[in-house]
Amino acid sequence: INAYIDGRLSQKDRAAVAAILLADPDLMHKVMRMV
Protein backbone atom coordinates (compact mmCIF):
# COMPACT_ATOMS: atom_id res chain seq x y z
CA ILE A 1 0.00 0.00 0.00
CA ASN A 2 2.80 2.41 0.90
CA ALA A 3 4.66 1.62 -2.32
CA TYR A 4 1.42 2.25 -4.25
CA ILE A 5 0.88 5.60 -2.52
CA ASP A 6 4.51 6.63 -3.04
CA GLY A 7 4.50 5.65 -6.72
CA ARG A 8 7.19 3.01 -6.28
CA LEU A 9 5.34 0.18 -8.06
CA SER A 10 5.77 -0.94 -11.62
CA GLN A 11 2.91 -0.14 -13.94
CA LYS A 12 1.79 -3.78 -13.82
CA ASP A 13 1.84 -3.91 -10.00
CA ARG A 14 0.14 -0.52 -9.76
CA ALA A 15 -2.69 -1.80 -11.98
CA ALA A 16 -3.03 -4.93 -9.85
CA VAL A 17 -3.28 -2.87 -6.65
CA ALA A 18 -5.80 -0.52 -8.29
CA ALA A 19 -7.96 -3.51 -9.25
CA ILE A 20 -7.89 -4.78 -5.66
CA LEU A 21 -8.84 -1.34 -4.38
CA LEU A 22 -11.74 -1.09 -6.82
CA ALA A 23 -13.07 -4.41 -5.56
CA ASP A 24 -12.80 -3.42 -1.88
CA PRO A 25 -14.42 -0.05 -1.08
CA ASP A 26 -13.33 -0.18 2.58
CA LEU A 27 -9.71 -0.70 1.62
CA MET A 28 -10.02 2.02 -1.03
CA HIS A 29 -11.32 4.40 1.64
CA LYS A 30 -8.40 3.49 3.93
CA VAL A 31 -5.87 4.12 1.16
CA MET A 32 -7.48 7.42 0.19
CA ARG A 33 -7.23 8.55 3.84
CA MET A 34 -3.57 7.55 3.81
CA VAL A 35 -3.01 9.56 0.61
Full PDB file with SEQRES, HELIX, SHEET, SSBOND, CRYST1, ORIGX, SCALE, CONECT and MASTER records, all heavy atoms in Angstrom:
SEQRES   1 A   35  ILE ASN ALA TYR ILE ASP GLY ARG LEU SER GLN LYS ASP          
SEQRES   2 A   35  ARG ALA ALA VAL ALA ALA ILE LEU LEU ALA ASP PRO ASP          
SEQRES   3 A   35  LEU MET HIS LYS VAL MET ARG MET VAL                          
HELIX    1 AA1 ASN A    2  ASP A    6  1                                   5    
HELIX    2 AA2 GLN A   11  ALA A   23  1                                  13    
HELIX    3 AA3 PRO A   25  MET A   34  1                                  10    
CRYST1    1.000    1.000    1.000  90.00  90.00  90.00 P 1           1          
ORIGX1      1.000000  0.000000  0.000000        0.00000                         
ORIGX2      0.000000  1.000000  0.000000        0.00000                         
ORIGX3      0.000000  0.000000  1.000000        0.00000                         
SCALE1      1.000000  0.000000  0.000000        0.00000                         
SCALE2      0.000000  1.000000  0.000000        0.00000                         
SCALE3      0.000000  0.000000  1.000000        0.00000                         
ATOM      1  N   ILE A   1       0.838  -1.204   0.000  1.00  0.00           N  
ATOM      2  CA  ILE A   1       0.000   0.000   0.000  1.00  0.00           C  
ATOM      3  C   ILE A   1       0.870   1.250   0.000  1.00  0.00           C  
ATOM      4  O   ILE A   1       0.644   2.193  -0.759  1.00  0.00           O  
ATOM      5  CB  ILE A   1      -0.972  -0.003   1.199  1.00  0.00           C  
ATOM      6  CG1 ILE A   1      -2.018  -1.122   1.019  1.00  0.00           C  
ATOM      7  CG2 ILE A   1      -1.647   1.359   1.366  1.00  0.00           C  
ATOM      8  CD1 ILE A   1      -2.889  -1.356   2.240  1.00  0.00           C  
ATOM      9  N   ASN A   2       1.895   1.254   0.845  1.00  0.00           N  
ATOM     10  CA  ASN A   2       2.796   2.415   0.897  1.00  0.00           C  
ATOM     11  C   ASN A   2       3.536   2.604  -0.416  1.00  0.00           C  
ATOM     12  O   ASN A   2       3.711   3.740  -0.880  1.00  0.00           O  
ATOM     13  CB  ASN A   2       3.770   2.277   2.061  1.00  0.00           C  
ATOM     14  CG  ASN A   2       3.104   2.522   3.389  1.00  0.00           C  
ATOM     15  OD1 ASN A   2       2.249   3.390   3.517  1.00  0.00           O  
ATOM     16  ND2 ASN A   2       3.466   1.753   4.397  1.00  0.00           N  
ATOM     17  N   ALA A   3       3.978   1.515  -1.032  1.00  0.00           N  
ATOM     18  CA  ALA A   3       4.659   1.618  -2.320  1.00  0.00           C  
ATOM     19  C   ALA A   3       3.702   2.161  -3.381  1.00  0.00           C  
ATOM     20  O   ALA A   3       4.097   2.964  -4.231  1.00  0.00           O  
ATOM     21  CB  ALA A   3       5.208   0.251  -2.738  1.00  0.00           C  
ATOM     22  N   TYR A   4       2.441   1.746  -3.323  1.00  0.00           N  
ATOM     23  CA  TYR A   4       1.420   2.246  -4.255  1.00  0.00           C  
ATOM     24  C   TYR A   4       1.246   3.755  -4.074  1.00  0.00           C  
ATOM     25  O   TYR A   4       1.269   4.520  -5.040  1.00  0.00           O  
ATOM     26  CB  TYR A   4       0.101   1.513  -4.008  1.00  0.00           C  
ATOM     27  CG  TYR A   4      -1.049   2.000  -4.841  1.00  0.00           C  
ATOM     28  CD1 TYR A   4      -1.203   1.588  -6.159  1.00  0.00           C  
ATOM     29  CD2 TYR A   4      -2.001   2.871  -4.315  1.00  0.00           C  
ATOM     30  CE1 TYR A   4      -2.266   2.031  -6.930  1.00  0.00           C  
ATOM     31  CE2 TYR A   4      -3.071   3.322  -5.073  1.00  0.00           C  
ATOM     32  CZ  TYR A   4      -3.190   2.898  -6.385  1.00  0.00           C  
ATOM     33  OH  TYR A   4      -4.250   3.346  -7.142  1.00  0.00           O  
ATOM     34  N   ILE A   5       1.089   4.189  -2.821  1.00  0.00           N  
ATOM     35  CA  ILE A   5       0.882   5.599  -2.523  1.00  0.00           C  
ATOM     36  C   ILE A   5       2.089   6.426  -2.955  1.00  0.00           C  
ATOM     37  O   ILE A   5       1.942   7.522  -3.497  1.00  0.00           O  
ATOM     38  CB  ILE A   5       0.591   5.794  -1.021  1.00  0.00           C  
ATOM     39  CG1 ILE A   5      -0.776   5.199  -0.676  1.00  0.00           C  
ATOM     40  CG2 ILE A   5       0.662   7.267  -0.628  1.00  0.00           C  
ATOM     41  CD1 ILE A   5      -1.060   5.120   0.806  1.00  0.00           C  
ATOM     42  N   ASP A   6       3.277   5.897  -2.719  1.00  0.00           N  
ATOM     43  CA  ASP A   6       4.507   6.634  -3.037  1.00  0.00           C  
ATOM     44  C   ASP A   6       4.917   6.539  -4.500  1.00  0.00           C  
ATOM     45  O   ASP A   6       5.917   7.129  -4.899  1.00  0.00           O  
ATOM     46  CB  ASP A   6       5.659   6.124  -2.164  1.00  0.00           C  
ATOM     47  CG  ASP A   6       5.450   6.441  -0.693  1.00  0.00           C  
ATOM     48  OD1 ASP A   6       4.660   7.350  -0.377  1.00  0.00           O  
ATOM     49  OD2 ASP A   6       6.088   5.772   0.153  1.00  0.00           O  
ATOM     50  N   GLY A   7       4.180   5.776  -5.305  1.00  0.00           N  
ATOM     51  CA  GLY A   7       4.497   5.655  -6.723  1.00  0.00           C  
ATOM     52  C   GLY A   7       5.724   4.807  -6.996  1.00  0.00           C  
ATOM     53  O   GLY A   7       6.419   5.017  -7.987  1.00  0.00           O  
ATOM     54  N   ARG A   8       5.996   3.838  -6.124  1.00  0.00           N  
ATOM     55  CA  ARG A   8       7.186   3.006  -6.275  1.00  0.00           C  
ATOM     56  C   ARG A   8       6.887   1.636  -6.878  1.00  0.00           C  
ATOM     57  O   ARG A   8       7.729   0.754  -6.834  1.00  0.00           O  
ATOM     58  CB  ARG A   8       7.875   2.816  -4.913  1.00  0.00           C  
ATOM     59  CG  ARG A   8       8.449   4.104  -4.346  1.00  0.00           C  
ATOM     60  CD  ARG A   8       9.173   3.882  -3.020  1.00  0.00           C  
ATOM     61  NE  ARG A   8       8.210   3.686  -1.945  1.00  0.00           N  
ATOM     62  CZ  ARG A   8       8.129   2.595  -1.181  1.00  0.00           C  
ATOM     63  NH1 ARG A   8       8.939   1.597  -1.346  1.00  0.00           N  
ATOM     64  NH2 ARG A   8       7.215   2.523  -0.220  1.00  0.00           N  
ATOM     65  N   LEU A   9       5.704   1.462  -7.440  1.00  0.00           N  
ATOM     66  CA  LEU A   9       5.345   0.184  -8.058  1.00  0.00           C  
ATOM     67  C   LEU A   9       5.491   0.266  -9.572  1.00  0.00           C  
ATOM     68  O   LEU A   9       5.336   1.334 -10.163  1.00  0.00           O  
ATOM     69  CB  LEU A   9       3.896  -0.186  -7.719  1.00  0.00           C  
ATOM     70  CG  LEU A   9       3.570  -0.485  -6.267  1.00  0.00           C  
ATOM     71  CD1 LEU A   9       2.080  -0.796  -6.138  1.00  0.00           C  
ATOM     72  CD2 LEU A   9       4.398  -1.639  -5.732  1.00  0.00           C  
ATOM     73  N   SER A  10       5.761  -0.883 -10.158  1.00  0.00           N  
ATOM     74  CA  SER A  10       5.773  -0.940 -11.617  1.00  0.00           C  
ATOM     75  C   SER A  10       4.354  -0.686 -12.113  1.00  0.00           C  
ATOM     76  O   SER A  10       3.381  -0.779 -11.352  1.00  0.00           O  
ATOM     77  CB  SER A  10       6.251  -2.315 -12.089  1.00  0.00           C  
ATOM     78  OG  SER A  10       5.286  -3.307 -11.741  1.00  0.00           O  
ATOM     79  N   GLN A  11       4.237  -0.398 -13.372  1.00  0.00           N  
ATOM     80  CA  GLN A  11       2.911  -0.135 -13.943  1.00  0.00           C  
ATOM     81  C   GLN A  11       2.009  -1.360 -13.772  1.00  0.00           C  
ATOM     82  O   GLN A  11       0.831  -1.224 -13.434  1.00  0.00           O  
ATOM     83  CB  GLN A  11       3.054   0.236 -15.414  1.00  0.00           C  
ATOM     84  CG  GLN A  11       1.783   0.764 -16.020  1.00  0.00           C  
ATOM     85  CD  GLN A  11       2.008   1.325 -17.416  1.00  0.00           C  
ATOM     86  OE1 GLN A  11       3.089   1.226 -17.975  1.00  0.00           O  
ATOM     87  NE2 GLN A  11       0.990   1.927 -17.971  1.00  0.00           N  
ATOM     88  N   LYS A  12       2.562  -2.535 -13.960  1.00  0.00           N  
ATOM     89  CA  LYS A  12       1.787  -3.777 -13.815  1.00  0.00           C  
ATOM     90  C   LYS A  12       1.310  -3.958 -12.372  1.00  0.00           C  
ATOM     91  O   LYS A  12       0.128  -4.254 -12.131  1.00  0.00           O  
ATOM     92  CB  LYS A  12       2.654  -4.963 -14.227  1.00  0.00           C  
ATOM     93  CG  LYS A  12       1.979  -6.301 -14.075  1.00  0.00           C  
ATOM     94  CD  LYS A  12       2.925  -7.435 -14.437  1.00  0.00           C  
ATOM     95  CE  LYS A  12       2.291  -8.777 -14.133  1.00  0.00           C  
ATOM     96  NZ  LYS A  12       3.218  -9.883 -14.285  1.00  0.00           N  
ATOM     97  N   ASP A  13       2.211  -3.762 -11.401  1.00  0.00           N  
ATOM     98  CA  ASP A  13       1.841  -3.911  -9.996  1.00  0.00           C  
ATOM     99  C   ASP A  13       0.865  -2.823  -9.566  1.00  0.00           C  
ATOM    100  O   ASP A  13      -0.054  -3.071  -8.779  1.00  0.00           O  
ATOM    101  CB  ASP A  13       3.079  -3.887  -9.101  1.00  0.00           C  
ATOM    102  CG  ASP A  13       3.931  -5.138  -9.250  1.00  0.00           C  
ATOM    103  OD1 ASP A  13       3.422  -6.169  -9.762  1.00  0.00           O  
ATOM    104  OD2 ASP A  13       5.118  -5.089  -8.876  1.00  0.00           O  
ATOM    105  N   ARG A  14       1.056  -1.618 -10.080  1.00  0.00           N  
ATOM    106  CA  ARG A  14       0.138  -0.524  -9.758  1.00  0.00           C  
ATOM    107  C   ARG A  14      -1.275  -0.851 -10.249  1.00  0.00           C  
ATOM    108  O   ARG A  14      -2.249  -0.616  -9.537  1.00  0.00           O  
ATOM    109  CB  ARG A  14       0.650   0.779 -10.381  1.00  0.00           C  
ATOM    110  CG  ARG A  14      -0.114   1.986  -9.936  1.00  0.00           C  
ATOM    111  CD  ARG A  14       0.667   3.266 -10.258  1.00  0.00           C  
ATOM    112  NE  ARG A  14      -0.053   4.427  -9.800  1.00  0.00           N  
ATOM    113  CZ  ARG A  14      -0.146   4.812  -8.536  1.00  0.00           C  
ATOM    114  NH1 ARG A  14       0.456   4.133  -7.604  1.00  0.00           N  
ATOM    115  NH2 ARG A  14      -0.829   5.884  -8.201  1.00  0.00           N  
ATOM    116  N   ALA A  15      -1.377  -1.414 -11.438  1.00  0.00           N  
ATOM    117  CA  ALA A  15      -2.688  -1.799 -11.985  1.00  0.00           C  
ATOM    118  C   ALA A  15      -3.319  -2.899 -11.141  1.00  0.00           C  
ATOM    119  O   ALA A  15      -4.540  -2.895 -10.910  1.00  0.00           O  
ATOM    120  CB  ALA A  15      -2.542  -2.240 -13.435  1.00  0.00           C  
ATOM    121  N   ALA A  16      -2.507  -3.835 -10.672  1.00  0.00           N  
ATOM    122  CA  ALA A  16      -3.028  -4.931  -9.845  1.00  0.00           C  
ATOM    123  C   ALA A  16      -3.560  -4.380  -8.518  1.00  0.00           C  
ATOM    124  O   ALA A  16      -4.640  -4.792  -8.059  1.00  0.00           O  
ATOM    125  CB  ALA A  16      -1.933  -5.966  -9.601  1.00  0.00           C  
ATOM    126  N   VAL A  17      -2.829  -3.470  -7.912  1.00  0.00           N  
ATOM    127  CA  VAL A  17      -3.281  -2.871  -6.652  1.00  0.00           C  
ATOM    128  C   VAL A  17      -4.552  -2.063  -6.891  1.00  0.00           C  
ATOM    129  O   VAL A  17      -5.503  -2.149  -6.114  1.00  0.00           O  
ATOM    130  CB  VAL A  17      -2.184  -1.994  -6.024  1.00  0.00           C  
ATOM    131  CG1 VAL A  17      -2.732  -1.174  -4.856  1.00  0.00           C  
ATOM    132  CG2 VAL A  17      -1.012  -2.850  -5.566  1.00  0.00           C  
ATOM    133  N   ALA A  18      -4.607  -1.313  -7.965  1.00  0.00           N  
ATOM    134  CA  ALA A  18      -5.800  -0.521  -8.286  1.00  0.00           C  
ATOM    135  C   ALA A  18      -7.024  -1.422  -8.454  1.00  0.00           C  
ATOM    136  O   ALA A  18      -8.116  -1.086  -7.984  1.00  0.00           O  
ATOM    137  CB  ALA A  18      -5.567   0.307  -9.539  1.00  0.00           C  
ATOM    138  N   ALA A  19      -6.850  -2.574  -9.077  1.00  0.00           N  
ATOM    139  CA  ALA A  19      -7.960  -3.512  -9.254  1.00  0.00           C  
ATOM    140  C   ALA A  19      -8.451  -4.038  -7.902  1.00  0.00           C  
ATOM    141  O   ALA A  19      -9.663  -4.160  -7.674  1.00  0.00           O  
ATOM    142  CB  ALA A  19      -7.532  -4.671 -10.150  1.00  0.00           C  
ATOM    143  N   ILE A  20      -7.514  -4.315  -7.011  1.00  0.00           N  
ATOM    144  CA  ILE A  20      -7.890  -4.778  -5.664  1.00  0.00           C  
ATOM    145  C   ILE A  20      -8.646  -3.683  -4.922  1.00  0.00           C  
ATOM    146  O   ILE A  20      -9.669  -3.940  -4.266  1.00  0.00           O  
ATOM    147  CB  ILE A  20      -6.636  -5.222  -4.879  1.00  0.00           C  
ATOM    148  CG1 ILE A  20      -6.038  -6.475  -5.509  1.00  0.00           C  
ATOM    149  CG2 ILE A  20      -6.961  -5.453  -3.406  1.00  0.00           C  
ATOM    150  CD1 ILE A  20      -4.661  -6.834  -4.997  1.00  0.00           C  
ATOM    151  N   LEU A  21      -8.179  -2.462  -5.047  1.00  0.00           N  
ATOM    152  CA  LEU A  21      -8.839  -1.344  -4.378  1.00  0.00           C  
ATOM    153  C   LEU A  21     -10.248  -1.116  -4.926  1.00  0.00           C  
ATOM    154  O   LEU A  21     -11.176  -0.823  -4.159  1.00  0.00           O  
ATOM    155  CB  LEU A  21      -8.002  -0.071  -4.512  1.00  0.00           C  
ATOM    156  CG  LEU A  21      -6.648  -0.082  -3.787  1.00  0.00           C  
ATOM    157  CD1 LEU A  21      -5.893   1.208  -4.081  1.00  0.00           C  
ATOM    158  CD2 LEU A  21      -6.805  -0.303  -2.305  1.00  0.00           C  
ATOM    159  N   LEU A  22     -10.409  -1.265  -6.226  1.00  0.00           N  
ATOM    160  CA  LEU A  22     -11.741  -1.088  -6.825  1.00  0.00           C  
ATOM    161  C   LEU A  22     -12.725  -2.147  -6.336  1.00  0.00           C  
ATOM    162  O   LEU A  22     -13.924  -1.895  -6.233  1.00  0.00           O  
ATOM    163  CB  LEU A  22     -11.649  -1.115  -8.348  1.00  0.00           C  
ATOM    164  CG  LEU A  22     -11.031   0.129  -8.981  1.00  0.00           C  
ATOM    165  CD1 LEU A  22     -10.821  -0.085 -10.479  1.00  0.00           C  
ATOM    166  CD2 LEU A  22     -11.905   1.354  -8.733  1.00  0.00           C  
ATOM    167  N   ALA A  23     -12.214  -3.321  -6.022  1.00  0.00           N  
ATOM    168  CA  ALA A  23     -13.069  -4.414  -5.562  1.00  0.00           C  
ATOM    169  C   ALA A  23     -13.349  -4.349  -4.062  1.00  0.00           C  
ATOM    170  O   ALA A  23     -14.210  -5.084  -3.568  1.00  0.00           O  
ATOM    171  CB  ALA A  23     -12.413  -5.754  -5.907  1.00  0.00           C  
ATOM    172  N   ASP A  24     -12.647  -3.495  -3.344  1.00  0.00           N  
ATOM    173  CA  ASP A  24     -12.798  -3.419  -1.881  1.00  0.00           C  
ATOM    174  C   ASP A  24     -12.950  -1.957  -1.458  1.00  0.00           C  
ATOM    175  O   ASP A  24     -11.964  -1.280  -1.155  1.00  0.00           O  
ATOM    176  CB  ASP A  24     -11.577  -4.054  -1.214  1.00  0.00           C  
ATOM    177  CG  ASP A  24     -11.703  -4.167   0.295  1.00  0.00           C  
ATOM    178  OD1 ASP A  24     -12.536  -3.452   0.894  1.00  0.00           O  
ATOM    179  OD2 ASP A  24     -10.945  -4.972   0.874  1.00  0.00           O  
ATOM    180  N   PRO A  25     -14.192  -1.461  -1.411  1.00  0.00           N  
ATOM    181  CA  PRO A  25     -14.421  -0.048  -1.082  1.00  0.00           C  
ATOM    182  C   PRO A  25     -13.850   0.369   0.276  1.00  0.00           C  
ATOM    183  O   PRO A  25     -13.381   1.500   0.426  1.00  0.00           O  
ATOM    184  CB  PRO A  25     -15.938   0.087  -1.097  1.00  0.00           C  
ATOM    185  CG  PRO A  25     -16.425  -1.049  -1.929  1.00  0.00           C  
ATOM    186  CD  PRO A  25     -15.438  -2.150  -1.731  1.00  0.00           C  
ATOM    187  N   ASP A  26     -13.880  -0.529   1.260  1.00  0.00           N  
ATOM    188  CA  ASP A  26     -13.331  -0.182   2.579  1.00  0.00           C  
ATOM    189  C   ASP A  26     -11.823   0.036   2.503  1.00  0.00           C  
ATOM    190  O   ASP A  26     -11.286   0.983   3.089  1.00  0.00           O  
ATOM    191  CB  ASP A  26     -13.651  -1.277   3.605  1.00  0.00           C  
ATOM    192  CG  ASP A  26     -15.132  -1.329   3.953  1.00  0.00           C  
ATOM    193  OD1 ASP A  26     -15.822  -0.294   3.809  1.00  0.00           O  
ATOM    194  OD2 ASP A  26     -15.596  -2.406   4.364  1.00  0.00           O  
ATOM    195  N   LEU A  27     -11.153  -0.843   1.793  1.00  0.00           N  
ATOM    196  CA  LEU A  27      -9.707  -0.695   1.625  1.00  0.00           C  
ATOM    197  C   LEU A  27      -9.397   0.555   0.803  1.00  0.00           C  
ATOM    198  O   LEU A  27      -8.456   1.287   1.109  1.00  0.00           O  
ATOM    199  CB  LEU A  27      -9.106  -1.941   0.963  1.00  0.00           C  
ATOM    200  CG  LEU A  27      -7.591  -1.946   0.794  1.00  0.00           C  
ATOM    201  CD1 LEU A  27      -6.873  -1.760   2.130  1.00  0.00           C  
ATOM    202  CD2 LEU A  27      -7.141  -3.244   0.117  1.00  0.00           C  
ATOM    203  N   MET A  28     -10.198   0.815  -0.217  1.00  0.00           N  
ATOM    204  CA  MET A  28     -10.020   2.024  -1.032  1.00  0.00           C  
ATOM    205  C   MET A  28     -10.142   3.265  -0.157  1.00  0.00           C  
ATOM    206  O   MET A  28      -9.329   4.184  -0.247  1.00  0.00           O  
ATOM    207  CB  MET A  28     -11.050   2.078  -2.159  1.00  0.00           C  
ATOM    208  CG  MET A  28     -11.052   3.386  -2.929  1.00  0.00           C  
ATOM    209  SD  MET A  28      -9.609   3.625  -3.952  1.00  0.00           S  
ATOM    210  CE  MET A  28     -10.182   2.844  -5.434  1.00  0.00           C  
ATOM    211  N   HIS A  29     -11.129   3.267   0.738  1.00  0.00           N  
ATOM    212  CA  HIS A  29     -11.319   4.398   1.644  1.00  0.00           C  
ATOM    213  C   HIS A  29     -10.102   4.557   2.552  1.00  0.00           C  
ATOM    214  O   HIS A  29      -9.618   5.675   2.767  1.00  0.00           O  
ATOM    215  CB  HIS A  29     -12.600   4.190   2.462  1.00  0.00           C  
ATOM    216  CG  HIS A  29     -12.947   5.339   3.339  1.00  0.00           C  
ATOM    217  ND1 HIS A  29     -13.395   6.543   2.859  1.00  0.00           N  
ATOM    218  CD2 HIS A  29     -12.890   5.482   4.681  1.00  0.00           C  
ATOM    219  CE1 HIS A  29     -13.606   7.374   3.848  1.00  0.00           C  
ATOM    220  NE2 HIS A  29     -13.305   6.756   4.978  1.00  0.00           N  
ATOM    221  N   LYS A  30      -9.587   3.456   3.075  1.00  0.00           N  
ATOM    222  CA  LYS A  30      -8.398   3.495   3.934  1.00  0.00           C  
ATOM    223  C   LYS A  30      -7.207   4.085   3.179  1.00  0.00           C  
ATOM    224  O   LYS A  30      -6.492   4.945   3.699  1.00  0.00           O  
ATOM    225  CB  LYS A  30      -8.061   2.089   4.417  1.00  0.00           C  
ATOM    226  CG  LYS A  30      -6.784   2.008   5.198  1.00  0.00           C  
ATOM    227  CD  LYS A  30      -6.427   0.563   5.548  1.00  0.00           C  
ATOM    228  CE  LYS A  30      -5.042   0.481   6.174  1.00  0.00           C  
ATOM    229  NZ  LYS A  30      -4.654  -0.884   6.510  1.00  0.00           N  
ATOM    230  N   VAL A  31      -6.997   3.640   1.955  1.00  0.00           N  
ATOM    231  CA  VAL A  31      -5.866   4.122   1.164  1.00  0.00           C  
ATOM    232  C   VAL A  31      -6.044   5.599   0.818  1.00  0.00           C  
ATOM    233  O   VAL A  31      -5.082   6.370   0.874  1.00  0.00           O  
ATOM    234  CB  VAL A  31      -5.667   3.254  -0.098  1.00  0.00           C  
ATOM    235  CG1 VAL A  31      -4.645   3.867  -1.048  1.00  0.00           C  
ATOM    236  CG2 VAL A  31      -5.238   1.837   0.295  1.00  0.00           C  
ATOM    237  N   MET A  32      -7.240   6.014   0.499  1.00  0.00           N  
ATOM    238  CA  MET A  32      -7.481   7.424   0.188  1.00  0.00           C  
ATOM    239  C   MET A  32      -7.208   8.302   1.416  1.00  0.00           C  
ATOM    240  O   MET A  32      -6.665   9.395   1.290  1.00  0.00           O  
ATOM    241  CB  MET A  32      -8.923   7.640  -0.304  1.00  0.00           C  
ATOM    242  CG  MET A  32      -9.186   7.049  -1.680  1.00  0.00           C  
ATOM    243  SD  MET A  32      -8.229   7.846  -2.993  1.00  0.00           S  
ATOM    244  CE  MET A  32      -6.855   6.757  -3.186  1.00  0.00           C  
ATOM    245  N   ARG A  33      -7.564   7.817   2.617  1.00  0.00           N  
ATOM    246  CA  ARG A  33      -7.233   8.553   3.842  1.00  0.00           C  
ATOM    247  C   ARG A  33      -5.720   8.647   4.010  1.00  0.00           C  
ATOM    248  O   ARG A  33      -5.190   9.692   4.391  1.00  0.00           O  
ATOM    249  CB  ARG A  33      -7.850   7.868   5.064  1.00  0.00           C  
ATOM    250  CG  ARG A  33      -9.320   8.135   5.254  1.00  0.00           C  
ATOM    251  CD  ARG A  33      -9.830   7.730   6.636  1.00  0.00           C  
ATOM    252  NE  ARG A  33      -9.198   6.539   7.180  1.00  0.00           N  
ATOM    253  CZ  ARG A  33      -9.733   5.310   7.202  1.00  0.00           C  
ATOM    254  NH1 ARG A  33     -10.926   5.111   6.696  1.00  0.00           N  
ATOM    255  NH2 ARG A  33      -9.083   4.295   7.736  1.00  0.00           N  
ATOM    256  N   MET A  34      -5.026   7.549   3.710  1.00  0.00           N  
ATOM    257  CA  MET A  34      -3.567   7.548   3.808  1.00  0.00           C  
ATOM    258  C   MET A  34      -2.948   8.541   2.824  1.00  0.00           C  
ATOM    259  O   MET A  34      -1.983   9.234   3.152  1.00  0.00           O  
ATOM    260  CB  MET A  34      -3.023   6.135   3.574  1.00  0.00           C  
ATOM    261  CG  MET A  34      -3.371   5.168   4.688  1.00  0.00           C  
ATOM    262  SD  MET A  34      -2.952   3.446   4.298  1.00  0.00           S  
ATOM    263  CE  MET A  34      -1.161   3.512   4.382  1.00  0.00           C  
ATOM    264  N   VAL A  35      -3.497   8.605   1.617  1.00  0.00           N  
ATOM    265  CA  VAL A  35      -3.006   9.556   0.608  1.00  0.00           C  
ATOM    266  C   VAL A  35      -3.198  10.987   1.102  1.00  0.00           C  
ATOM    267  O   VAL A  35      -2.294  11.823   0.992  1.00  0.00           O  
ATOM    268  CB  VAL A  35      -3.723   9.337  -0.747  1.00  0.00           C  
ATOM    269  CG1 VAL A  35      -3.462  10.488  -1.699  1.00  0.00           C  
ATOM    270  CG2 VAL A  35      -3.291   8.016  -1.365  1.00  0.00           C  
TER     271      VAL A  35                                                      
MASTER        0    0    0    3    0    0    0    6  270    1    0    3          
END                                                                             
